[in-house]
C-alpha cells in the first residue's frame, strides 16, 4: 500500500468498522429473525439464516474491498494521513468546560422549542380561528 507506515491507525479503524458492520448485518439480519421464529414451528429458519450469512459475507467483502480500493489511491491515503496528524493537534475541552457548554446548548434547545411552540400556538389559535372560525 502507499505509505503503509503512516495512517495505519485510520486503516485499522476502517477495517474494524467493516467487521462491526458485517457482524451487525449478520446478527440483526439473520440471527434475530431465526431466534424469534424458533418458538414457532421452525419452518423457514434455516433459509433465513443462510440468506443472512450470505448477505453478511457479501457486505463484508464489499466493505473490505472498498477499504482496500481506497487504500491504494494516493489522494485518499494522503487525506487519511493528514486527518490523523490533525487529530494529534486537537485540544479537547476540560470536563467543566464541556459540562458548561452542554448546559448552554440544552437551555438554548428548550428556549427554541418554547419559541416554536408559541409561534405554532399563535398561528393555530389566533390566525387560523380568526380567519376560518373555530374548528368543529
Protein backbone atom coordinates (compact mmCIF):
# COMPACT_ATOMS: atom_id res chain seq x y z
CA UNK A 1 0.00 0.00 0.00
CA UNK A 2 1.01 3.57 -0.49
CA UNK A 3 2.85 4.99 2.55
CA UNK A 4 1.95 1.98 4.65
CA UNK A 5 3.65 3.01 7.93
CA UNK A 6 1.69 6.28 8.01
CA UNK A 7 -2.04 6.31 8.56
CA UNK A 8 -2.13 2.75 9.88
CA UNK A 9 -4.43 3.76 12.73
CA UNK A 10 -7.09 5.02 10.31
CA UNK A 11 -6.82 1.87 8.22
CA UNK A 12 -7.15 -0.32 11.31
CA UNK A 13 -10.22 1.62 12.42
CA UNK A 14 -11.73 1.29 8.94
CA UNK A 15 -11.17 -2.46 8.97
CA UNK A 16 -12.69 -2.79 12.45
CA UNK A 17 -15.66 -0.74 11.29
CA UNK A 18 -16.12 -3.10 8.36
CA UNK A 19 -16.05 -6.07 10.75
CA UNK A 20 -18.59 -4.48 13.08
CA UNK A 21 -20.97 -3.61 10.24
CA UNK A 22 -20.73 -7.12 8.78
CA UNK A 23 -21.32 -8.70 12.20
CA UNK A 24 -24.25 -6.38 12.84
CA UNK A 25 -25.81 -7.26 9.49
CA UNK A 26 -25.37 -10.95 10.21
CA UNK A 27 -26.82 -10.74 13.73
CA UNK A 28 -29.73 -8.40 13.07
CA UNK A 29 -30.48 -9.73 9.59
CA UNK A 30 -30.36 -13.46 10.18
CA UNK A 31 -29.93 -14.42 13.80
CA UNK A 32 -32.63 -12.08 15.15
CA UNK A 33 -35.19 -13.47 12.69
CA UNK A 34 -34.09 -17.02 13.39
CA UNK A 35 -34.22 -16.64 17.17
CA UNK A 36 -37.69 -15.06 17.08
CA UNK A 37 -39.06 -17.75 14.80
CA UNK A 38 -37.57 -20.66 16.75
CA UNK A 39 -40.54 -20.57 19.11
CA UNK A 40 -42.79 -21.31 16.14
CA UNK A 41 -42.70 -24.45 14.07
CA UNK A 42 -39.17 -23.66 12.99
CA UNK A 43 -40.04 -23.76 9.30
CA UNK A 44 -38.04 -21.29 7.29
CA UNK A 45 -35.40 -20.55 9.92
CA UNK A 46 -32.59 -22.33 8.09
CA UNK A 47 -33.17 -20.45 4.80
CA UNK A 48 -33.30 -17.16 6.71
CA UNK A 49 -30.03 -17.97 8.41
CA UNK A 50 -28.37 -18.95 5.13
CA UNK A 51 -29.59 -15.80 3.38
CA UNK A 52 -28.45 -13.68 6.33
CA UNK A 53 -24.99 -15.26 6.28
CA UNK A 54 -24.73 -14.74 2.51
CA UNK A 55 -25.69 -11.08 2.88
CA UNK A 56 -23.23 -10.61 5.74
CA UNK A 57 -20.40 -12.16 3.73
CA UNK A 58 -21.26 -10.02 0.69
CA UNK A 59 -21.41 -6.87 2.81
CA UNK A 60 -18.10 -7.72 4.45
CA UNK A 61 -16.45 -8.38 1.08
CA UNK A 62 -17.81 -5.10 -0.31
CA UNK A 63 -16.62 -3.11 2.69
CA UNK A 64 -13.17 -4.66 2.78
CA UNK A 65 -12.89 -4.23 -0.99
CA UNK A 66 -13.80 -0.56 -0.62
CA UNK A 67 -11.25 -0.05 2.15
CA UNK A 68 -8.56 -1.77 0.07
CA UNK A 69 -9.50 0.22 -3.05
CA UNK A 70 -9.28 3.46 -1.11
CA UNK A 71 -6.01 2.33 0.45
CA UNK A 72 -4.33 2.14 -2.94
CA UNK A 73 -5.48 5.60 -4.03
CA UNK A 74 -2.78 8.14 -3.21
CA UNK A 75 -5.08 11.11 -2.54
CA UNK A 76 -7.25 9.08 -0.17
CA UNK A 77 -4.27 7.84 1.80
CA UNK A 78 -2.82 11.37 1.97
CA UNK A 79 -6.16 12.64 3.27
CA UNK A 80 -6.31 9.95 5.97
CA UNK A 81 -2.71 10.69 6.99
CA UNK A 82 -3.50 14.41 7.25
CA UNK A 83 -6.58 13.65 9.34
CA UNK A 84 -4.53 11.50 11.70
CA UNK A 85 -1.88 14.23 12.03
CA UNK A 86 -4.53 16.91 12.60
CA UNK A 87 -6.21 14.85 15.33
CA UNK A 88 -2.95 14.84 17.30
CA UNK A 89 -3.07 18.67 17.35
CA UNK A 90 -6.65 18.92 18.60
CA UNK A 91 -7.10 20.40 22.06
CA UNK A 92 -10.02 18.75 23.79
CA UNK A 93 -12.08 20.76 26.31
CA UNK A 94 -11.79 20.23 30.04
CA UNK A 95 -14.67 18.46 31.77
CA UNK A 96 -16.05 21.62 33.43
CA UNK A 97 -15.98 23.49 30.12
CA UNK A 98 -17.70 20.58 28.41
CA UNK A 99 -20.44 20.44 31.07
CA UNK A 100 -20.97 24.21 30.86
CA UNK A 101 -21.21 24.13 27.06
CA UNK A 102 -23.64 21.19 27.20
CA UNK A 103 -25.84 23.05 29.70
CA UNK A 104 -25.90 26.17 27.50
CA UNK A 105 -26.84 24.10 24.44
CA UNK A 106 -29.58 22.25 26.35
CA UNK A 107 -31.00 25.55 27.62
CA UNK A 108 -31.00 27.01 24.11
CA UNK A 109 -32.81 23.93 22.78
CA UNK A 110 -35.51 24.37 25.44
CA UNK A 111 -35.83 28.09 24.65
CA UNK A 112 -36.01 27.42 20.91
CA UNK A 113 -38.61 24.70 21.48
CA UNK A 114 -40.73 27.11 23.53
CA UNK A 115 -40.45 29.82 20.86
CA UNK A 116 -41.54 27.38 18.16
CA UNK A 117 -44.41 26.19 20.37
CA UNK A 118 -45.59 29.76 20.98
CA UNK A 119 -45.44 30.67 17.28
CA UNK A 120 -47.29 27.47 16.39
CA UNK A 121 -49.93 28.11 19.07
CA UNK A 122 -50.31 31.70 17.84
CA UNK A 123 -50.76 30.51 14.27
CA UNK A 124 -53.32 27.90 15.30
CA UNK A 125 -55.36 29.89 17.79
CA UNK A 126 -55.21 33.45 16.56
CA UNK A 127 -54.68 33.30 12.83
CA UNK A 128 -56.50 30.08 11.93
CA UNK A 129 -59.50 30.60 14.18
CA UNK A 130 -59.76 34.29 13.27
CA UNK A 131 -59.60 33.67 9.57
CA UNK A 132 -61.63 30.44 9.34
CA UNK A 133 -63.69 30.44 12.51
CA UNK A 134 -63.43 27.86 15.28
CA UNK A 135 -62.78 24.23 14.44
CA UNK A 136 -65.58 21.74 14.84
